Each structure stands twice: as C-alpha cells, then as structure tokens.
Amino acid sequence: WSAGALSKMVIIGNSFKGIEERLLSRILERDYSYIA
C-alpha cells in the first residue's frame, strides 16, 4: 500500500470493476477497503 509499490504491479484476475458492481458499496468499503 504505497503509490510507489502499486505502480510497479500488474494484476491479472477478477475484474475490480465487476467486484465494485456486484457488492454493495458499504460492504466493499468495510470488508475490502483497499480494493475500494
């Protein structure tokens, strides 16, 4: 969790947009806050 480290990463996996669309915002922000 820093701009420097994240900018060096590429993730191939489940769509973050899809996770956002499928979860209620309060659940996303509470349980998966770093994705949010």
PDB file of all heavy atoms in Angstrom:
ATOM      1  N   TRP A   1       0.808  -1.211   0.000  1.00  0.00           N
ATOM      2  CA  TRP A   1       0.000   0.000   0.000  1.00  0.00           C
ATOM      3  C   TRP A   1       0.852   1.276   0.000  1.00  0.00           C
ATOM      4  O   TRP A   1       1.051   1.935   1.007  1.00  0.00           O
ATOM      5  CB  TRP A   1      -0.962   0.004   1.178  1.00  0.00           C
ATOM      6  CG  TRP A   1      -2.052   1.035   1.053  1.00  0.00           C
ATOM      7  CD1 TRP A   1      -2.289   2.111   1.854  1.00  0.00           C
ATOM      8  CD2 TRP A   1      -3.073   1.078   0.043  1.00  0.00           C
ATOM      9  NE1 TRP A   1      -3.366   2.825   1.411  1.00  0.00           N
ATOM     10  CE2 TRP A   1      -3.875   2.209   0.297  1.00  0.00           C
ATOM     11  CE3 TRP A   1      -3.362   0.274  -1.062  1.00  0.00           C
ATOM     12  CZ2 TRP A   1      -4.959   2.552  -0.514  1.00  0.00           C
ATOM     13  CZ3 TRP A   1      -4.445   0.623  -1.866  1.00  0.00           C
ATOM     14  CH2 TRP A   1      -5.226   1.745  -1.585  1.00  0.00           C
ATOM     15  N   SER A   2       1.365   1.616  -1.170  1.00  0.00           N
ATOM     16  CA  SER A   2       2.018   2.896  -1.419  1.00  0.00           C
ATOM     17  C   SER A   2       1.970   3.120  -2.918  1.00  0.00           C
ATOM     18  O   SER A   2       1.904   2.166  -3.704  1.00  0.00           O
ATOM     19  CB  SER A   2       3.468   2.885  -0.924  1.00  0.00           C
ATOM     20  OG  SER A   2       4.286   2.096  -1.764  1.00  0.00           O
ATOM     21  N   ALA A   3       2.004   4.389  -3.303  1.00  0.00           N
ATOM     22  CA  ALA A   3       1.940   4.696  -4.729  1.00  0.00           C
ATOM     23  C   ALA A   3       3.138   4.098  -5.465  1.00  0.00           C
ATOM     24  O   ALA A   3       3.003   3.578  -6.581  1.00  0.00           O
ATOM     25  CB  ALA A   3       1.875   6.205  -4.931  1.00  0.00           C
ATOM     26  N   GLY A   4       4.303   4.142  -4.840  1.00  0.00           N
ATOM     27  CA  GLY A   4       5.498   3.617  -5.480  1.00  0.00           C
ATOM     28  C   GLY A   4       5.423   2.134  -5.748  1.00  0.00           C
ATOM     29  O   GLY A   4       5.808   1.654  -6.826  1.00  0.00           O
ATOM     30  N   ALA A   5       4.933   1.365  -4.772  1.00  0.00           N
ATOM     31  CA  ALA A   5       4.845  -0.090  -4.935  1.00  0.00           C
ATOM     32  C   ALA A   5       3.726  -0.481  -5.899  1.00  0.00           C
ATOM     33  O   ALA A   5       3.928  -1.309  -6.804  1.00  0.00           O
ATOM     34  CB  ALA A   5       4.628  -0.755  -3.585  1.00  0.00           C
ATOM     35  N   LEU A   6       2.553   0.111  -5.741  1.00  0.00           N
ATOM     36  CA  LEU A   6       1.429  -0.256  -6.601  1.00  0.00           C
ATOM     37  C   LEU A   6       1.712   0.045  -8.068  1.00  0.00           C
ATOM     38  O   LEU A   6       1.273  -0.694  -8.959  1.00  0.00           O
ATOM     39  CB  LEU A   6       0.160   0.476  -6.154  1.00  0.00           C
ATOM     40  CG  LEU A   6      -0.417   0.079  -4.789  1.00  0.00           C
ATOM     41  CD1 LEU A   6      -1.611   0.965  -4.443  1.00  0.00           C
ATOM     42  CD2 LEU A   6      -0.834  -1.394  -4.777  1.00  0.00           C
ATOM     43  N   SER A   7       2.456   1.101  -8.328  1.00  0.00           N
ATOM     44  CA  SER A   7       2.741   1.469  -9.712  1.00  0.00           C
ATOM     45  C   SER A   7       3.655   0.462 -10.399  1.00  0.00           C
ATOM     46  O   SER A   7       3.790   0.481 -11.627  1.00  0.00           O
ATOM     47  CB  SER A   7       3.365   2.863  -9.767  1.00  0.00           C
ATOM     48  OG  SER A   7       4.652   2.875  -9.153  1.00  0.00           O
ATOM     49  N   LYS A   8       4.287  -0.423  -9.642  1.00  0.00           N
ATOM     50  CA  LYS A   8       5.160  -1.449 -10.202  1.00  0.00           C
ATOM     51  C   LYS A   8       4.443  -2.797 -10.361  1.00  0.00           C
ATOM     52  O   LYS A   8       5.060  -3.790 -10.738  1.00  0.00           O
ATOM     53  CB  LYS A   8       6.384  -1.648  -9.301  1.00  0.00           C
ATOM     54  CG  LYS A   8       7.300  -0.423  -9.205  1.00  0.00           C
ATOM     55  CD  LYS A   8       8.452  -0.692  -8.238  1.00  0.00           C
ATOM     56  CE  LYS A   8       9.330   0.530  -8.074  1.00  0.00           C
ATOM     57  NZ  LYS A   8      10.055   0.863  -9.311  1.00  0.00           N
ATOM     58  N   MET A   9       3.144  -2.829 -10.071  1.00  0.00           N
ATOM     59  CA  MET A   9       2.390  -4.086 -10.084  1.00  0.00           C
ATOM     60  C   MET A   9       1.430  -4.164 -11.265  1.00  0.00           C
ATOM     61  O   MET A   9       0.853  -3.167 -11.689  1.00  0.00           O
ATOM     62  CB  MET A   9       1.581  -4.227  -8.782  1.00  0.00           C
ATOM     63  CG  MET A   9       2.411  -4.428  -7.549  1.00  0.00           C
ATOM     64  SD  MET A   9       1.435  -4.272  -6.026  1.00  0.00           S
ATOM     65  CE  MET A   9       0.003  -5.299  -6.392  1.00  0.00           C
ATOM     66  N   VAL A  10       1.238  -5.369 -11.770  1.00  0.00           N
ATOM     67  CA  VAL A  10       0.176  -5.698 -12.707  1.00  0.00           C
ATOM     68  C   VAL A  10      -0.548  -6.912 -12.133  1.00  0.00           C
ATOM     69  O   VAL A  10       0.097  -7.873 -11.687  1.00  0.00           O
ATOM     70  CB  VAL A  10       0.719  -6.014 -14.111  1.00  0.00           C
ATOM     71  CG1 VAL A  10      -0.404  -6.474 -15.036  1.00  0.00           C
ATOM     72  CG2 VAL A  10       1.442  -4.810 -14.702  1.00  0.00           C
ATOM     73  N   ILE A  11      -1.867  -6.868 -12.108  1.00  0.00           N
ATOM     74  CA  ILE A  11      -2.665  -7.975 -11.572  1.00  0.00           C
ATOM     75  C   ILE A  11      -3.574  -8.502 -12.670  1.00  0.00           C
ATOM     76  O   ILE A  11      -4.366  -7.744 -13.251  1.00  0.00           O
ATOM     77  CB  ILE A  11      -3.521  -7.537 -10.365  1.00  0.00           C
ATOM     78  CG1 ILE A  11      -2.632  -7.002  -9.237  1.00  0.00           C
ATOM     79  CG2 ILE A  11      -4.375  -8.705  -9.863  1.00  0.00           C
ATOM     80  CD1 ILE A  11      -3.434  -6.419  -8.070  1.00  0.00           C
ATOM     81  N   ILE A  12      -3.477  -9.789 -12.963  1.00  0.00           N
ATOM     82  CA  ILE A  12      -4.432 -10.454 -13.857  1.00  0.00           C
ATOM     83  C   ILE A  12      -5.333 -11.315 -12.986  1.00  0.00           C
ATOM     84  O   ILE A  12      -4.871 -12.266 -12.347  1.00  0.00           O
ATOM     85  CB  ILE A  12      -3.703 -11.308 -14.913  1.00  0.00           C
ATOM     86  CG1 ILE A  12      -2.829 -10.419 -15.800  1.00  0.00           C
ATOM     87  CG2 ILE A  12      -4.729 -12.066 -15.770  1.00  0.00           C
ATOM     88  CD1 ILE A  12      -2.091 -11.167 -16.880  1.00  0.00           C
ATOM     89  N   GLY A  13      -6.588 -10.948 -12.935  1.00  0.00           N
ATOM     90  CA  GLY A  13      -7.519 -11.663 -12.058  1.00  0.00           C
ATOM     91  C   GLY A  13      -8.919 -11.104 -12.195  1.00  0.00           C
ATOM     92  O   GLY A  13      -9.246 -10.428 -13.179  1.00  0.00           O
ATOM     93  N   ASN A  14      -9.757 -11.381 -11.207  1.00  0.00           N
ATOM     94  CA  ASN A  14     -11.146 -10.951 -11.252  1.00  0.00           C
ATOM     95  C   ASN A  14     -11.245  -9.444 -11.432  1.00  0.00           C
ATOM     96  O   ASN A  14     -10.522  -8.681 -10.787  1.00  0.00           O
ATOM     97  CB  ASN A  14     -11.862 -11.356  -9.964  1.00  0.00           C
ATOM     98  CG  ASN A  14     -11.981 -12.847  -9.825  1.00  0.00           C
ATOM     99  OD1 ASN A  14     -11.532 -13.603 -10.686  1.00  0.00           O
ATOM    100  ND2 ASN A  14     -12.581 -13.299  -8.742  1.00  0.00           N
ATOM    101  N   SER A  15     -12.157  -9.016 -12.271  1.00  0.00           N
ATOM    102  CA  SER A  15     -12.330  -7.606 -12.577  1.00  0.00           C
ATOM    103  C   SER A  15     -12.645  -6.792 -11.330  1.00  0.00           C
ATOM    104  O   SER A  15     -13.609  -7.083 -10.612  1.00  0.00           O
ATOM    105  CB  SER A  15     -13.468  -7.430 -13.587  1.00  0.00           C
ATOM    106  OG  SER A  15     -13.868  -6.082 -13.677  1.00  0.00           O
ATOM    107  N   PHE A  16     -11.844  -5.764 -11.040  1.00  0.00           N
ATOM    108  CA  PHE A  16     -12.144  -4.872  -9.920  1.00  0.00           C
ATOM    109  C   PHE A  16     -13.444  -4.112 -10.183  1.00  0.00           C
ATOM    110  O   PHE A  16     -14.219  -3.863  -9.255  1.00  0.00           O
ATOM    111  CB  PHE A  16     -10.990  -3.886  -9.713  1.00  0.00           C
ATOM    112  CG  PHE A  16      -9.788  -4.482  -9.027  1.00  0.00           C
ATOM    113  CD1 PHE A  16      -9.640  -5.854  -8.871  1.00  0.00           C
ATOM    114  CD2 PHE A  16      -8.785  -3.664  -8.529  1.00  0.00           C
ATOM    115  CE1 PHE A  16      -8.526  -6.404  -8.249  1.00  0.00           C
ATOM    116  CE2 PHE A  16      -7.671  -4.190  -7.902  1.00  0.00           C
ATOM    117  CZ  PHE A  16      -7.538  -5.563  -7.758  1.00  0.00           C
ATOM    118  N   LYS A  17     -13.681  -3.749 -11.452  1.00  0.00           N
ATOM    119  CA  LYS A  17     -14.945  -3.093 -11.789  1.00  0.00           C
ATOM    120  C   LYS A  17     -16.119  -4.019 -11.499  1.00  0.00           C
ATOM    121  O   LYS A  17     -17.163  -3.590 -10.994  1.00  0.00           O
ATOM    122  CB  LYS A  17     -14.945  -2.692 -13.264  1.00  0.00           C
ATOM    123  CG  LYS A  17     -13.984  -1.572 -13.614  1.00  0.00           C
ATOM    124  CD  LYS A  17     -14.038  -1.272 -15.107  1.00  0.00           C
ATOM    125  CE  LYS A  17     -13.048  -0.181 -15.497  1.00  0.00           C
ATOM    126  NZ  LYS A  17     -13.041   0.066 -16.971  1.00  0.00           N
ATOM    127  N   GLY A  18     -15.946  -5.294 -11.818  1.00  0.00           N
ATOM    128  CA  GLY A  18     -17.003  -6.264 -11.549  1.00  0.00           C
ATOM    129  C   GLY A  18     -17.256  -6.430 -10.060  1.00  0.00           C
ATOM    130  O   GLY A  18     -18.405  -6.555  -9.625  1.00  0.00           O
ATOM    131  N   ILE A  19     -16.182  -6.444  -9.263  1.00  0.00           N
ATOM    132  CA  ILE A  19     -16.336  -6.535  -7.810  1.00  0.00           C
ATOM    133  C   ILE A  19     -17.123  -5.332  -7.302  1.00  0.00           C
ATOM    134  O   ILE A  19     -18.041  -5.471  -6.476  1.00  0.00           O
ATOM    135  CB  ILE A  19     -14.954  -6.605  -7.131  1.00  0.00           C
ATOM    136  CG1 ILE A  19     -14.270  -7.938  -7.453  1.00  0.00           C
ATOM    137  CG2 ILE A  19     -15.089  -6.445  -5.607  1.00  0.00           C
ATOM    138  CD1 ILE A  19     -12.836  -8.039  -6.967  1.00  0.00           C
ATOM    139  N   GLU A  20     -16.795  -4.152  -7.808  1.00  0.00           N
ATOM    140  CA  GLU A  20     -17.495  -2.932  -7.397  1.00  0.00           C
ATOM    141  C   GLU A  20     -18.972  -2.997  -7.765  1.00  0.00           C
ATOM    142  O   GLU A  20     -19.850  -2.604  -6.970  1.00  0.00           O
ATOM    143  CB  GLU A  20     -16.852  -1.717  -8.057  1.00  0.00           C
ATOM    144  CG  GLU A  20     -17.492  -0.390  -7.670  1.00  0.00           C
ATOM    145  CD  GLU A  20     -16.918   0.779  -8.426  1.00  0.00           C
ATOM    146  OE1 GLU A  20     -16.402   0.581  -9.547  1.00  0.00           O
ATOM    147  OE2 GLU A  20     -16.989   1.911  -7.909  1.00  0.00           O
ATOM    148  N   GLU A  21     -19.267  -3.513  -8.945  1.00  0.00           N
ATOM    149  CA  GLU A  21     -20.657  -3.578  -9.402  1.00  0.00           C
ATOM    150  C   GLU A  21     -21.478  -4.593  -8.630  1.00  0.00           C
ATOM    151  O   GLU A  21     -22.682  -4.393  -8.403  1.00  0.00           O
ATOM    152  CB  GLU A  21     -20.683  -3.911 -10.899  1.00  0.00           C
ATOM    153  CG  GLU A  21     -20.152  -2.792 -11.782  1.00  0.00           C
ATOM    154  CD  GLU A  21     -19.943  -3.240 -13.216  1.00  0.00           C
ATOM    155  OE1 GLU A  21     -20.170  -4.460 -13.488  1.00  0.00           O
ATOM    156  OE2 GLU A  21     -19.547  -2.415 -14.054  1.00  0.00           O
ATOM    157  N   ARG A  22     -20.844  -5.686  -8.205  1.00  0.00           N
ATOM    158  CA  ARG A  22     -21.593  -6.771  -7.569  1.00  0.00           C
ATOM    159  C   ARG A  22     -21.805  -6.563  -6.058  1.00  0.00           C
ATOM    160  O   ARG A  22     -22.713  -7.160  -5.488  1.00  0.00           O
ATOM    161  CB  ARG A  22     -20.890  -8.106  -7.806  1.00  0.00           C
ATOM    162  CG  ARG A  22     -20.981  -8.601  -9.235  1.00  0.00           C
ATOM    163  CD  ARG A  22     -20.454 -10.014  -9.361  1.00  0.00           C
ATOM    164  NE  ARG A  22     -19.026 -10.091  -9.103  1.00  0.00           N
ATOM    165  CZ  ARG A  22     -18.086  -9.950 -10.038  1.00  0.00           C
ATOM    166  NH1 ARG A  22     -18.439  -9.711 -11.284  1.00  0.00           N
ATOM    167  NH2 ARG A  22     -16.808 -10.041  -9.728  1.00  0.00           N
ATOM    168  N   LEU A  23     -20.959  -5.772  -5.435  1.00  0.00           N
ATOM    169  CA  LEU A  23     -21.040  -5.596  -3.982  1.00  0.00           C
ATOM    170  C   LEU A  23     -21.686  -4.268  -3.629  1.00  0.00           C
ATOM    171  O   LEU A  23     -21.457  -3.256  -4.302  1.00  0.00           O
ATOM    172  CB  LEU A  23     -19.644  -5.639  -3.356  1.00  0.00           C
ATOM    173  CG  LEU A  23     -18.972  -6.997  -3.199  1.00  0.00           C
ATOM    174  CD1 LEU A  23     -17.634  -6.819  -2.497  1.00  0.00           C
ATOM    175  CD2 LEU A  23     -19.832  -7.966  -2.415  1.00  0.00           C
ATOM    176  N   LEU A  24     -22.464  -4.260  -2.558  1.00  0.00           N
ATOM    177  CA  LEU A  24     -22.947  -3.001  -2.012  1.00  0.00           C
ATOM    178  C   LEU A  24     -21.742  -2.172  -1.577  1.00  0.00           C
ATOM    179  O   LEU A  24     -20.767  -2.714  -1.039  1.00  0.00           O
ATOM    180  CB  LEU A  24     -23.874  -3.245  -0.830  1.00  0.00           C
ATOM    181  CG  LEU A  24     -25.205  -3.949  -1.128  1.00  0.00           C
ATOM    182  CD1 LEU A  24     -25.926  -4.280   0.175  1.00  0.00           C
ATOM    183  CD2 LEU A  24     -26.080  -3.080  -2.027  1.00  0.00           C
ATOM    184  N   SER A  25     -21.804  -0.877  -1.797  1.00  0.00           N
ATOM    185  CA  SER A  25     -20.656  -0.017  -1.508  1.00  0.00           C
ATOM    186  C   SER A  25     -20.240  -0.104  -0.047  1.00  0.00           C
ATOM    187  O   SER A  25     -19.040  -0.104   0.267  1.00  0.00           O
ATOM    188  CB  SER A  25     -20.961   1.430  -1.896  1.00  0.00           C
ATOM    189  OG  SER A  25     -22.088   1.916  -1.189  1.00  0.00           O
ATOM    190  N   ARG A  26     -21.192  -0.224   0.853  1.00  0.00           N
ATOM    191  CA  ARG A  26     -20.837  -0.283   2.278  1.00  0.00           C
ATOM    192  C   ARG A  26     -20.086  -1.574   2.608  1.00  0.00           C
ATOM    193  O   ARG A  26     -19.196  -1.587   3.468  1.00  0.00           O
ATOM    194  CB  ARG A  26     -22.080  -0.137   3.154  1.00  0.00           C
ATOM    195  CG  ARG A  26     -23.119  -1.230   2.972  1.00  0.00           C
ATOM    196  CD  ARG A  26     -24.311  -1.028   3.906  1.00  0.00           C
ATOM    197  NE  ARG A  26     -25.322  -2.031   3.698  1.00  0.00           N
ATOM    198  CZ  ARG A  26     -25.300  -3.240   4.246  1.00  0.00           C
ATOM    199  NH1 ARG A  26     -24.281  -3.582   5.038  1.00  0.00           N
ATOM    200  NH2 ARG A  26     -26.266  -4.113   4.010  1.00  0.00           N
ATOM    201  N   ILE A  27     -20.424  -2.673   1.926  1.00  0.00           N
ATOM    202  CA  ILE A  27     -19.731  -3.937   2.161  1.00  0.00           C
ATOM    203  C   ILE A  27     -18.338  -3.888   1.554  1.00  0.00           C
ATOM    204  O   ILE A  27     -17.352  -4.339   2.156  1.00  0.00           O
ATOM    205  CB  ILE A  27     -20.537  -5.119   1.586  1.00  0.00           C
ATOM    206  CG1 ILE A  27     -21.870  -5.256   2.338  1.00  0.00           C
ATOM    207  CG2 ILE A  27     -19.740  -6.410   1.660  1.00  0.00           C
ATOM    208  CD1 ILE A  27     -22.773  -6.328   1.793  1.00  0.00           C
ATOM    209  N   LEU A  28     -18.234  -3.317   0.352  1.00  0.00           N
ATOM    210  CA  LEU A  28     -16.927  -3.181  -0.294  1.00  0.00           C
ATOM    211  C   LEU A  28     -15.990  -2.336   0.567  1.00  0.00           C
ATOM    212  O   LEU A  28     -14.843  -2.721   0.806  1.00  0.00           O
ATOM    213  CB  LEU A  28     -17.096  -2.555  -1.670  1.00  0.00           C
ATOM    214  CG  LEU A  28     -15.823  -2.316  -2.487  1.00  0.00           C
ATOM    215  CD1 LEU A  28     -15.131  -3.631  -2.824  1.00  0.00           C
ATOM    216  CD2 LEU A  28     -16.136  -1.549  -3.768  1.00  0.00           C
ATOM    217  N   GLU A  29     -16.476  -1.209   1.054  1.00  0.00           N
ATOM    218  CA  GLU A  29     -15.638  -0.305   1.836  1.00  0.00           C
ATOM    219  C   GLU A  29     -15.309  -0.873   3.211  1.00  0.00           C
ATOM    220  O   GLU A  29     -14.237  -0.603   3.765  1.00  0.00           O
ATOM    221  CB  GLU A  29     -16.337   1.045   1.969  1.00  0.00           C
ATOM    222  CG  GLU A  29     -16.447   1.779   0.635  1.00  0.00           C
ATOM    223  CD  GLU A  29     -17.347   2.991   0.711  1.00  0.00           C
ATOM    224  OE1 GLU A  29     -17.823   3.309   1.836  1.00  0.00           O
ATOM    225  OE2 GLU A  29     -17.594   3.627  -0.340  1.00  0.00           O
ATOM    226  N   ARG A  30     -16.205  -1.693   3.756  1.00  0.00           N
ATOM    227  CA  ARG A  30     -15.958  -2.269   5.086  1.00  0.00           C
ATOM    228  C   ARG A  30     -15.055  -3.484   5.032  1.00  0.00           C
ATOM    229  O   ARG A  30     -14.078  -3.575   5.787  1.00  0.00           O
ATOM    230  CB  ARG A  30     -17.302  -2.659   5.713  1.00  0.00           C
ATOM    231  CG  ARG A  30     -17.187  -3.249   7.119  1.00  0.00           C
ATOM    232  CD  ARG A  30     -18.481  -3.927   7.512  1.00  0.00           C
ATOM    233  NE  ARG A  30     -18.741  -5.105   6.706  1.00  0.00           N
ATOM    234  CZ  ARG A  30     -19.921  -5.722   6.622  1.00  0.00           C
ATOM    235  NH1 ARG A  30     -20.978  -5.240   7.274  1.00  0.00           N
ATOM    236  NH2 ARG A  30     -20.073  -6.802   5.874  1.00  0.00           N
ATOM    237  N   ASP A  31     -15.322  -4.410   4.119  1.00  0.00           N
ATOM    238  CA  ASP A  31     -14.612  -5.693   4.103  1.00  0.00           C
ATOM    239  C   ASP A  31     -13.417  -5.719   3.149  1.00  0.00           C
ATOM    240  O   ASP A  31     -12.476  -6.494   3.366  1.00  0.00           O
ATOM    241  CB  ASP A  31     -15.575  -6.813   3.721  1.00  0.00           C
ATOM    242  CG  ASP A  31     -16.681  -7.005   4.745  1.00  0.00           C
ATOM    243  OD1 ASP A  31     -16.530  -6.505   5.889  1.00  0.00           O
ATOM    244  OD2 ASP A  31     -17.693  -7.651   4.414  1.00  0.00           O
ATOM    245  N   TYR A  32     -13.469  -4.924   2.103  1.00  0.00           N
ATOM    246  CA  TYR A  32     -12.408  -4.945   1.092  1.00  0.00           C
ATOM    247  C   TYR A  32     -11.996  -3.503   0.803  1.00  0.00           C
ATOM    248  O   TYR A  32     -12.011  -3.037  -0.336  1.00  0.00           O
ATOM    249  CB  TYR A  32     -12.893  -5.660  -0.175  1.00  0.00           C
ATOM    250  CG  TYR A  32     -13.493  -7.013   0.130  1.00  0.00           C
ATOM    251  CD1 TYR A  32     -14.871  -7.209   0.121  1.00  0.00           C
ATOM    252  CD2 TYR A  32     -12.676  -8.089   0.477  1.00  0.00           C
ATOM    253  CE1 TYR A  32     -15.413  -8.446   0.436  1.00  0.00           C
ATOM    254  CE2 TYR A  32     -13.216  -9.324   0.793  1.00  0.00           C
ATOM    255  CZ  TYR A  32     -14.590  -9.496   0.777  1.00  0.00           C
ATOM    256  OH  TYR A  32     -15.128 -10.713   1.094  1.00  0.00           O
ATOM    257  N   SER A  33     -11.583  -2.830   1.856  1.00  0.00           N
ATOM    258  CA  SER A  33     -11.364  -1.380   1.782  1.00  0.00           C
ATOM    259  C   SER A  33     -10.231  -0.999   0.842  1.00  0.00           C
ATOM    260  O   SER A  33     -10.263   0.075   0.220  1.00  0.00           O
ATOM    261  CB  SER A  33     -11.075  -0.821   3.178  1.00  0.00           C
ATOM    262  OG  SER A  33      -9.901  -1.412   3.726  1.00  0.00           O
ATOM    263  N   TYR A  34      -9.230  -1.861   0.696  1.00  0.00           N
ATOM    264  CA  TYR A  34      -8.102  -1.500  -0.170  1.00  0.00           C
ATOM    265  C   TYR A  34      -8.490  -1.595  -1.642  1.00  0.00           C
ATOM    266  O   TYR A  34      -8.019  -0.801  -2.460  1.00  0.00           O
ATOM    267  CB  TYR A  34      -6.884  -2.360   0.167  1.00  0.00           C
ATOM    268  CG  TYR A  34      -6.341  -2.024   1.536  1.00  0.00           C
ATOM    269  CD1 TYR A  34      -6.716  -2.751   2.651  1.00  0.00           C
ATOM    270  CD2 TYR A  34      -5.508  -0.922   1.723  1.00  0.00           C
ATOM    271  CE1 TYR A  34      -6.257  -2.417   3.924  1.00  0.00           C
ATOM    272  CE2 TYR A  34      -5.043  -0.576   2.983  1.00  0.00           C
ATOM    273  CZ  TYR A  34      -5.428  -1.332   4.084  1.00  0.00           C
ATOM    274  OH  TYR A  34      -4.990  -0.983   5.337  1.00  0.00           O
ATOM    275  N   ILE A  35      -9.344  -2.541  -1.992  1.00  0.00           N
ATOM    276  CA  ILE A  35      -9.886  -2.570  -3.354  1.00  0.00           C
ATOM    277  C   ILE A  35     -10.704  -1.313  -3.591  1.00  0.00           C
ATOM    278  O   ILE A  35     -10.571  -0.643  -4.629  1.00  0.00           O
ATOM    279  CB  ILE A  35     -10.759  -3.829  -3.578  1.00  0.00           C
ATOM    280  CG1 ILE A  35      -9.918  -5.098  -3.471  1.00  0.00           C
ATOM    281  CG2 ILE A  35     -11.451  -3.764  -4.942  1.00  0.00           C
ATOM    282  CD1 ILE A  35     -10.725  -6.381  -3.594  1.00  0.00           C
ATOM    283  N   ALA A  36     -11.563  -0.963  -2.623  1.00  0.00           N
ATOM    284  CA  ALA A  36     -12.418   0.215  -2.768  1.00  0.00           C
ATOM    285  C   ALA A  36     -11.595   1.484  -2.958  1.00  0.00           C
ATOM    286  O   ALA A  36     -11.912   2.334  -3.799  1.00  0.00           O
ATOM    287  CB  ALA A  36     -13.328   0.344  -1.549  1.00  0.00           C
TER     288      ALA A  36
END
